[in-house]
Amino acid sequence: MDIKELGRIAAGLIAAIAEASARAKEFGIDEQFRELVRHAHEMHDLLVDALVMSESLRSDYLSGLSVTAENAIEHLEALASMSDGTI
C-alpha cells in the first residue's frame, strides 16, 4: 500500500465518522446510521492493518488518528446498539 491509498483510507474514515455523527443528530438511530458506523469500523480496520504492515507509513498523525477514530467509533457503536429514535 502506498501513502496515497493510506490517505484515501484516512479520508474515508474521517468522512464516515462525520457522516454517522451528523446522521444521528439529524435523523436519530436508524439503519442508515448503523451502516455508516459499520463502514467507519471497516475503514478503521483497513487503516490499522496498513499501519501494522508498513512501518514506513506510520506517523504520529496517523497513529493519533487511529486512536481518535477508535474512540469515536466505540461511541457511535454504543449509539447504534440503542433502539431506533432520536438522540
PDB file of N, CA and C in Angstrom:
ATOM      1  N   MET A   1       0.853  -1.175   0.000  1.00  0.00           N
ATOM      2  CA  MET A   1       0.000   0.000   0.000  1.00  0.00           C
ATOM      3  C   MET A   1       0.896   1.233   0.000  1.00  0.00           C
ATOM      4  N   ASP A   2       0.491   2.230  -0.756  1.00  0.00           N
ATOM      5  CA  ASP A   2       1.282   3.454  -0.787  1.00  0.00           C
ATOM      6  C   ASP A   2       0.601   4.550   0.039  1.00  0.00           C
ATOM      7  N   ILE A   3       1.283   5.641   0.179  1.00  0.00           N
ATOM      8  CA  ILE A   3       0.798   6.736   1.027  1.00  0.00           C
ATOM      9  C   ILE A   3      -0.488   7.354   0.476  1.00  0.00           C
ATOM     10  N   LYS A   4      -0.660   7.357  -0.842  1.00  0.00           N
ATOM     11  CA  LYS A   4      -1.892   7.907  -1.426  1.00  0.00           C
ATOM     12  C   LYS A   4      -3.099   7.059  -1.042  1.00  0.00           C
ATOM     13  N   GLU A   5      -2.938   5.752  -1.099  1.00  0.00           N
ATOM     14  CA  GLU A   5      -4.033   4.856  -0.713  1.00  0.00           C
ATOM     15  C   GLU A   5      -4.333   5.000   0.775  1.00  0.00           C
ATOM     16  N   LEU A   6      -3.298   5.109   1.570  1.00  0.00           N
ATOM     17  CA  LEU A   6      -3.491   5.309   3.002  1.00  0.00           C
ATOM     18  C   LEU A   6      -4.225   6.623   3.260  1.00  0.00           C
ATOM     19  N   GLY A   7      -3.891   7.649   2.499  1.00  0.00           N
ATOM     20  CA  GLY A   7      -4.591   8.929   2.622  1.00  0.00           C
ATOM     21  C   GLY A   7      -6.064   8.805   2.280  1.00  0.00           C
ATOM     22  N   ARG A   8      -6.379   8.029   1.242  1.00  0.00           N
ATOM     23  CA  ARG A   8      -7.783   7.812   0.873  1.00  0.00           C
ATOM     24  C   ARG A   8      -8.524   7.057   1.977  1.00  0.00           C
ATOM     25  N   ILE A   9      -7.865   6.083   2.575  1.00  0.00           N
ATOM     26  CA  ILE A   9      -8.476   5.345   3.679  1.00  0.00           C
ATOM     27  C   ILE A   9      -8.740   6.280   4.857  1.00  0.00           C
ATOM     28  N   ALA A  10      -7.750   7.091   5.211  1.00  0.00           N
ATOM     29  CA  ALA A  10      -7.908   8.030   6.335  1.00  0.00           C
ATOM     30  C   ALA A  10      -9.027   9.018   6.061  1.00  0.00           C
ATOM     31  N   ALA A  11      -9.082   9.539   4.845  1.00  0.00           N
ATOM     32  CA  ALA A  11     -10.146  10.487   4.486  1.00  0.00           C
ATOM     33  C   ALA A  11     -11.515   9.814   4.542  1.00  0.00           C
ATOM     34  N   GLY A  12     -11.605   8.583   4.051  1.00  0.00           N
ATOM     35  CA  GLY A  12     -12.863   7.842   4.110  1.00  0.00           C
ATOM     36  C   GLY A  12     -13.295   7.558   5.532  1.00  0.00           C
ATOM     37  N   LEU A  13     -12.342   7.264   6.374  1.00  0.00           N
ATOM     38  CA  LEU A  13     -12.620   7.015   7.788  1.00  0.00           C
ATOM     39  C   LEU A  13     -13.188   8.263   8.453  1.00  0.00           C
ATOM     40  N   ILE A  14     -12.521   9.368   8.251  1.00  0.00           N
ATOM     41  CA  ILE A  14     -12.978  10.633   8.844  1.00  0.00           C
ATOM     42  C   ILE A  14     -14.372  11.000   8.323  1.00  0.00           C
ATOM     43  N   ALA A  15     -14.575  10.837   7.023  1.00  0.00           N
ATOM     44  CA  ALA A  15     -15.872  11.162   6.419  1.00  0.00           C
ATOM     45  C   ALA A  15     -16.977  10.267   6.975  1.00  0.00           C
ATOM     46  N   ALA A  16     -16.697   8.975   7.134  1.00  0.00           N
ATOM     47  CA  ALA A  16     -17.707   8.048   7.646  1.00  0.00           C
ATOM     48  C   ALA A  16     -18.102   8.391   9.080  1.00  0.00           C
ATOM     49  N   ILE A  17     -17.125   8.734   9.903  1.00  0.00           N
ATOM     50  CA  ILE A  17     -17.423   9.119  11.287  1.00  0.00           C
ATOM     51  C   ILE A  17     -18.249  10.401  11.316  1.00  0.00           C
ATOM     52  N   ALA A  18     -17.847  11.380  10.520  1.00  0.00           N
ATOM     53  CA  ALA A  18     -18.576  12.649  10.484  1.00  0.00           C
ATOM     54  C   ALA A  18     -19.998  12.459   9.973  1.00  0.00           C
ATOM     55  N   GLU A  19     -20.156  11.654   8.930  1.00  0.00           N
ATOM     56  CA  GLU A  19     -21.482  11.431   8.366  1.00  0.00           C
ATOM     57  C   GLU A  19     -22.385  10.677   9.349  1.00  0.00           C
ATOM     58  N   ALA A  20     -21.828   9.691  10.034  1.00  0.00           N
ATOM     59  CA  ALA A  20     -22.618   8.954  11.026  1.00  0.00           C
ATOM     60  C   ALA A  20     -23.042   9.865  12.171  1.00  0.00           C
ATOM     61  N   SER A  21     -22.138  10.704  12.638  1.00  0.00           N
ATOM     62  CA  SER A  21     -22.472  11.635  13.726  1.00  0.00           C
ATOM     63  C   SER A  21     -23.570  12.605  13.304  1.00  0.00           C
ATOM     64  N   ALA A  22     -23.436  13.151  12.113  1.00  0.00           N
ATOM     65  CA  ALA A  22     -24.448  14.082  11.604  1.00  0.00           C
ATOM     66  C   ALA A  22     -25.786  13.375  11.413  1.00  0.00           C
ATOM     67  N   ARG A  23     -25.748  12.145  10.904  1.00  0.00           N
ATOM     68  CA  ARG A  23     -26.974  11.374  10.679  1.00  0.00           C
ATOM     69  C   ARG A  23     -27.700  11.136  12.001  1.00  0.00           C
ATOM     70  N   ALA A  24     -26.955  10.783  13.032  1.00  0.00           N
ATOM     71  CA  ALA A  24     -27.571  10.529  14.340  1.00  0.00           C
ATOM     72  C   ALA A  24     -28.235  11.780  14.880  1.00  0.00           C
ATOM     73  N   LYS A  25     -27.583  12.909  14.722  1.00  0.00           N
ATOM     74  CA  LYS A  25     -28.146  14.160  15.235  1.00  0.00           C
ATOM     75  C   LYS A  25     -29.384  14.575  14.467  1.00  0.00           C
ATOM     76  N   GLU A  26     -29.379  14.360  13.149  1.00  0.00           N
ATOM     77  CA  GLU A  26     -30.494  14.821  12.324  1.00  0.00           C
ATOM     78  C   GLU A  26     -31.658  13.834  12.277  1.00  0.00           C
ATOM     79  N   PHE A  27     -31.340  12.535  12.197  1.00  0.00           N
ATOM     80  CA  PHE A  27     -32.394  11.541  11.971  1.00  0.00           C
ATOM     81  C   PHE A  27     -32.532  10.517  13.086  1.00  0.00           C
ATOM     82  N   GLY A  28     -31.618  10.528  14.036  1.00  0.00           N
ATOM     83  CA  GLY A  28     -31.662   9.537  15.103  1.00  0.00           C
ATOM     84  C   GLY A  28     -30.945   8.268  14.688  1.00  0.00           C
ATOM     85  N   ILE A  29     -31.199   7.245  15.452  1.00  0.00           N
ATOM     86  CA  ILE A  29     -30.533   5.965  15.246  1.00  0.00           C
ATOM     87  C   ILE A  29     -31.402   5.130  14.301  1.00  0.00           C
ATOM     88  N   ASP A  30     -30.957   4.985  13.069  1.00  0.00           N
ATOM     89  CA  ASP A  30     -31.703   4.210  12.091  1.00  0.00           C
ATOM     90  C   ASP A  30     -30.754   3.267  11.360  1.00  0.00           C
ATOM     91  N   GLU A  31     -31.268   2.521  10.432  1.00  0.00           N
ATOM     92  CA  GLU A  31     -30.451   1.527   9.738  1.00  0.00           C
ATOM     93  C   GLU A  31     -29.325   2.182   8.938  1.00  0.00           C
ATOM     94  N   GLN A  32     -29.573   3.333   8.337  1.00  0.00           N
ATOM     95  CA  GLN A  32     -28.510   4.007   7.581  1.00  0.00           C
ATOM     96  C   GLN A  32     -27.387   4.444   8.523  1.00  0.00           C
ATOM     97  N   PHE A  33     -27.742   4.926   9.712  1.00  0.00           N
ATOM     98  CA  PHE A  33     -26.727   5.277  10.711  1.00  0.00           C
ATOM     99  C   PHE A  33     -25.883   4.052  11.040  1.00  0.00           C
ATOM    100  N   ARG A  34     -26.545   2.936  11.295  1.00  0.00           N
ATOM    101  CA  ARG A  34     -25.816   1.715  11.636  1.00  0.00           C
ATOM    102  C   ARG A  34     -24.886   1.289  10.507  1.00  0.00           C
ATOM    103  N   GLU A  35     -25.325   1.441   9.266  1.00  0.00           N
ATOM    104  CA  GLU A  35     -24.476   1.101   8.119  1.00  0.00           C
ATOM    105  C   GLU A  35     -23.259   2.024   8.054  1.00  0.00           C
ATOM    106  N   LEU A  36     -23.435   3.288   8.330  1.00  0.00           N
ATOM    107  CA  LEU A  36     -22.314   4.228   8.354  1.00  0.00           C
ATOM    108  C   LEU A  36     -21.309   3.858   9.447  1.00  0.00           C
ATOM    109  N   VAL A  37     -21.814   3.426  10.581  1.00  0.00           N
ATOM    110  CA  VAL A  37     -20.928   3.003  11.672  1.00  0.00           C
ATOM    111  C   VAL A  37     -20.147   1.757  11.266  1.00  0.00           C
ATOM    112  N   ARG A  38     -20.826   0.802  10.615  1.00  0.00           N
ATOM    113  CA  ARG A  38     -20.124  -0.399  10.133  1.00  0.00           C
ATOM    114  C   ARG A  38     -19.029  -0.011   9.130  1.00  0.00           C
ATOM    115  N   HIS A  39     -19.352   0.936   8.247  1.00  0.00           N
ATOM    116  CA  HIS A  39     -18.368   1.391   7.259  1.00  0.00           C
ATOM    117  C   HIS A  39     -17.172   2.049   7.953  1.00  0.00           C
ATOM    118  N   ALA A  40     -17.437   2.888   8.925  1.00  0.00           N
ATOM    119  CA  ALA A  40     -16.347   3.544   9.669  1.00  0.00           C
ATOM    120  C   ALA A  40     -15.468   2.492  10.339  1.00  0.00           C
ATOM    121  N   HIS A  41     -16.082   1.475  10.905  1.00  0.00           N
ATOM    122  CA  HIS A  41     -15.319   0.414  11.568  1.00  0.00           C
ATOM    123  C   HIS A  41     -14.440  -0.317  10.556  1.00  0.00           C
ATOM    124  N   GLU A  42     -14.981  -0.619   9.384  1.00  0.00           N
ATOM    125  CA  GLU A  42     -14.201  -1.283   8.337  1.00  0.00           C
ATOM    126  C   GLU A  42     -13.032  -0.414   7.872  1.00  0.00           C
ATOM    127  N   MET A  43     -13.269   0.879   7.711  1.00  0.00           N
ATOM    128  CA  MET A  43     -12.200   1.788   7.288  1.00  0.00           C
ATOM    129  C   MET A  43     -11.111   1.856   8.361  1.00  0.00           C
ATOM    130  N   HIS A  44     -11.512   1.853   9.621  1.00  0.00           N
ATOM    131  CA  HIS A  44     -10.530   1.875  10.709  1.00  0.00           C
ATOM    132  C   HIS A  44      -9.691   0.602  10.687  1.00  0.00           C
ATOM    133  N   ASP A  45     -10.343  -0.533  10.455  1.00  0.00           N
ATOM    134  CA  ASP A  45      -9.598  -1.796  10.357  1.00  0.00           C
ATOM    135  C   ASP A  45      -8.566  -1.736   9.236  1.00  0.00           C
ATOM    136  N   LEU A  46      -8.944  -1.168   8.084  1.00  0.00           N
ATOM    137  CA  LEU A  46      -8.000  -1.024   6.971  1.00  0.00           C
ATOM    138  C   LEU A  46      -6.821  -0.142   7.360  1.00  0.00           C
ATOM    139  N   LEU A  47      -7.098   0.956   8.053  1.00  0.00           N
ATOM    140  CA  LEU A  47      -6.037   1.864   8.487  1.00  0.00           C
ATOM    141  C   LEU A  47      -5.076   1.154   9.433  1.00  0.00           C
ATOM    142  N   VAL A  48      -5.618   0.462  10.417  1.00  0.00           N
ATOM    143  CA  VAL A  48      -4.776  -0.242  11.385  1.00  0.00           C
ATOM    144  C   VAL A  48      -3.940  -1.309  10.690  1.00  0.00           C
ATOM    145  N   ASP A  49      -4.566  -2.073   9.802  1.00  0.00           N
ATOM    146  CA  ASP A  49      -3.825  -3.105   9.071  1.00  0.00           C
ATOM    147  C   ASP A  49      -2.667  -2.498   8.278  1.00  0.00           C
ATOM    148  N   ALA A  50      -2.926  -1.373   7.610  1.00  0.00           N
ATOM    149  CA  ALA A  50      -1.877  -0.727   6.821  1.00  0.00           C
ATOM    150  C   ALA A  50      -0.741  -0.237   7.704  1.00  0.00           C
ATOM    151  N   LEU A  51      -1.070   0.309   8.865  1.00  0.00           N
ATOM    152  CA  LEU A  51      -0.033   0.804   9.772  1.00  0.00           C
ATOM    153  C   LEU A  51       0.777  -0.330  10.363  1.00  0.00           C
ATOM    154  N   VAL A  52       0.142  -1.452  10.608  1.00  0.00           N
ATOM    155  CA  VAL A  52       0.848  -2.606  11.157  1.00  0.00           C
ATOM    156  C   VAL A  52       1.774  -3.218  10.107  1.00  0.00           C
ATOM    157  N   MET A  53       1.305  -3.282   8.871  1.00  0.00           N
ATOM    158  CA  MET A  53       2.052  -3.960   7.817  1.00  0.00           C
ATOM    159  C   MET A  53       3.198  -3.129   7.249  1.00  0.00           C
ATOM    160  N   SER A  54       3.123  -1.813   7.383  1.00  0.00           N
ATOM    161  CA  SER A  54       4.154  -0.986   6.774  1.00  0.00           C
ATOM    162  C   SER A  54       4.647   0.076   7.744  1.00  0.00           C
ATOM    163  N   GLU A  55       5.797  -0.193   8.317  1.00  0.00           N
ATOM    164  CA  GLU A  55       6.381   0.753   9.267  1.00  0.00           C
ATOM    165  C   GLU A  55       6.672   2.093   8.605  1.00  0.00           C
ATOM    166  N   SER A  56       6.985   2.077   7.317  1.00  0.00           N
ATOM    167  CA  SER A  56       7.316   3.320   6.622  1.00  0.00           C
ATOM    168  C   SER A  56       6.108   4.247   6.494  1.00  0.00           C
ATOM    169  N   LEU A  57       4.895   3.708   6.614  1.00  0.00           N
ATOM    170  CA  LEU A  57       3.692   4.538   6.506  1.00  0.00           C
ATOM    171  C   LEU A  57       3.261   5.122   7.851  1.00  0.00           C
ATOM    172  N   ARG A  58       3.823   4.632   8.923  1.00  0.00           N
ATOM    173  CA  ARG A  58       3.426   5.112  10.251  1.00  0.00           C
ATOM    174  C   ARG A  58       3.907   6.532  10.481  1.00  0.00           C
ATOM    175  N   SER A  59       3.054   7.289  11.119  1.00  0.00           N
ATOM    176  CA  SER A  59       3.426   8.642  11.540  1.00  0.00           C
ATOM    177  C   SER A  59       2.667   8.940  12.822  1.00  0.00           C
ATOM    178  N   ASP A  60       3.109   9.967  13.527  1.00  0.00           N
ATOM    179  CA  ASP A  60       2.399  10.357  14.743  1.00  0.00           C
ATOM    180  C   ASP A  60       0.965  10.754  14.420  1.00  0.00           C
ATOM    181  N   TYR A  61       0.787  11.449  13.295  1.00  0.00           N
ATOM    182  CA  TYR A  61      -0.552  11.880  12.903  1.00  0.00           C
ATOM    183  C   TYR A  61      -1.467  10.678  12.676  1.00  0.00           C
ATOM    184  N   LEU A  62      -1.025   9.708  11.874  1.00  0.00           N
ATOM    185  CA  LEU A  62      -1.870   8.557  11.566  1.00  0.00           C
ATOM    186  C   LEU A  62      -2.097   7.674  12.786  1.00  0.00           C
ATOM    187  N   SER A  63      -1.103   7.552  13.633  1.00  0.00           N
ATOM    188  CA  SER A  63      -1.288   6.791  14.871  1.00  0.00           C
ATOM    189  C   SER A  63      -2.310   7.482  15.767  1.00  0.00           C
ATOM    190  N   GLY A  64      -2.212   8.788  15.872  1.00  0.00           N
ATOM    191  CA  GLY A  64      -3.183   9.555  16.655  1.00  0.00           C
ATOM    192  C   GLY A  64      -4.574   9.485  16.051  1.00  0.00           C
ATOM    193  N   LEU A  65      -4.643   9.559  14.721  1.00  0.00           N
ATOM    194  CA  LEU A  65      -5.930   9.441  14.034  1.00  0.00           C
ATOM    195  C   LEU A  65      -6.564   8.091  14.336  1.00  0.00           C
ATOM    196  N   SER A  66      -5.766   7.044  14.342  1.00  0.00           N
ATOM    197  CA  SER A  66      -6.275   5.703  14.625  1.00  0.00           C
ATOM    198  C   SER A  66      -6.898   5.633  16.015  1.00  0.00           C
ATOM    199  N   VAL A  67      -6.226   6.170  17.005  1.00  0.00           N
ATOM    200  CA  VAL A  67      -6.738   6.150  18.381  1.00  0.00           C
ATOM    201  C   VAL A  67      -7.998   7.003  18.499  1.00  0.00           C
ATOM    202  N   THR A  68      -7.969   8.199  17.938  1.00  0.00           N
ATOM    203  CA  THR A  68      -9.125   9.089  17.992  1.00  0.00           C
ATOM    204  C   THR A  68     -10.321   8.468  17.282  1.00  0.00           C
ATOM    205  N   ALA A  69     -10.077   7.876  16.105  1.00  0.00           N
ATOM    206  CA  ALA A  69     -11.149   7.241  15.349  1.00  0.00           C
ATOM    207  C   ALA A  69     -11.717   6.057  16.117  1.00  0.00           C
ATOM    208  N   GLU A  70     -10.849   5.282  16.737  1.00  0.00           N
ATOM    209  CA  GLU A  70     -11.326   4.133  17.516  1.00  0.00           C
ATOM    210  C   GLU A  70     -12.261   4.585  18.632  1.00  0.00           C
ATOM    211  N   ASN A  71     -11.903   5.661  19.326  1.00  0.00           N
ATOM    212  CA  ASN A  71     -12.759   6.190  20.394  1.00  0.00           C
ATOM    213  C   ASN A  71     -14.092   6.673  19.838  1.00  0.00           C
ATOM    214  N   ALA A  72     -14.059   7.373  18.711  1.00  0.00           N
ATOM    215  CA  ALA A  72     -15.295   7.870  18.094  1.00  0.00           C
ATOM    216  C   ALA A  72     -16.176   6.714  17.639  1.00  0.00           C
ATOM    217  N   ILE A  73     -15.576   5.704  17.058  1.00  0.00           N
ATOM    218  CA  ILE A  73     -16.342   4.552  16.580  1.00  0.00           C
ATOM    219  C   ILE A  73     -16.967   3.802  17.752  1.00  0.00           C
ATOM    220  N   GLU A  74     -16.235   3.653  18.844  1.00  0.00           N
ATOM    221  CA  GLU A  74     -16.809   2.997  20.029  1.00  0.00           C
ATOM    222  C   GLU A  74     -18.041   3.757  20.515  1.00  0.00           C
ATOM    223  N   HIS A  75     -17.977   5.079  20.509  1.00  0.00           N
ATOM    224  CA  HIS A  75     -19.127   5.899  20.907  1.00  0.00           C
ATOM    225  C   HIS A  75     -20.291   5.680  19.934  1.00  0.00           C
ATOM    226  N   LEU A  76     -19.996   5.701  18.632  1.00  0.00           N
ATOM    227  CA  LEU A  76     -21.045   5.505  17.628  1.00  0.00           C
ATOM    228  C   LEU A  76     -21.638   4.104  17.722  1.00  0.00           C
ATOM    229  N   GLU A  77     -20.804   3.107  17.985  1.00  0.00           N
ATOM    230  CA  GLU A  77     -21.312   1.739  18.126  1.00  0.00           C
ATOM    231  C   GLU A  77     -22.232   1.617  19.342  1.00  0.00           C
ATOM    232  N   ALA A  78     -21.926   2.348  20.392  1.00  0.00           N
ATOM    233  CA  ALA A  78     -22.808   2.350  21.558  1.00  0.00           C
ATOM    234  C   ALA A  78     -24.159   2.958  21.191  1.00  0.00           C
ATOM    235  N   LEU A  79     -24.138   4.033  20.419  1.00  0.00           N
ATOM    236  CA  LEU A  79     -25.387   4.629  19.951  1.00  0.00           C
ATOM    237  C   LEU A  79     -26.141   3.660  19.043  1.00  0.00           C
ATOM    238  N   ALA A  80     -25.414   2.966  18.174  1.00  0.00           N
ATOM    239  CA  ALA A  80     -26.036   2.029  17.233  1.00  0.00           C
ATOM    240  C   ALA A  80     -26.734   0.892  17.955  1.00  0.00           C
ATOM    241  N   SER A  81     -26.281   0.556  19.137  1.00  0.00           N
ATOM    242  CA  SER A  81     -26.911  -0.537  19.880  1.00  0.00           C
ATOM    243  C   SER A  81     -28.210  -0.096  20.540  1.00  0.00           C
ATOM    244  N   MET A  82     -28.496   1.200  20.513  1.00  0.00           N
ATOM    245  CA  MET A  82     -29.730   1.713  21.078  1.00  0.00           C
ATOM    246  C   MET A  82     -30.874   1.449  20.115  1.00  0.00           C
ATOM    247  N   SER A  83     -32.084   1.486  20.642  1.00  0.00           N
ATOM    248  CA  SER A  83     -33.254   1.307  19.782  1.00  0.00           C
ATOM    249  C   SER A  83     -33.411   2.519  18.866  1.00  0.00           C
ATOM    250  N   ASP A  84     -34.191   2.364  17.813  1.00  0.00           N
ATOM    251  CA  ASP A  84     -34.426   3.471  16.889  1.00  0.00           C
ATOM    252  C   ASP A  84     -35.015   4.662  17.645  1.00  0.00           C
ATOM    253  N   GLY A  85     -34.659   5.832  17.205  1.00  0.00           N
ATOM    254  CA  GLY A  85     -35.158   7.046  17.823  1.00  0.00           C
ATOM    255  C   GLY A  85     -34.163   8.168  17.681  1.00  0.00           C
ATOM    256  N   THR A  86     -34.498   9.263  18.273  1.00  0.00           N
ATOM    257  CA  THR A  86     -33.619  10.424  18.196  1.00  0.00           C
ATOM    258  C   THR A  86     -32.733  10.471  19.429  1.00  0.00           C
ATOM    259  N   ILE A  87     -31.629  11.182  19.292  1.00  0.00           N
ATOM    260  CA  ILE A  87     -30.727  11.322  20.434  1.00  0.00           C
ATOM    261  C   ILE A  87     -30.727  12.768  20.886  1.00  0.00           C
TER     262      ILE A  87
END
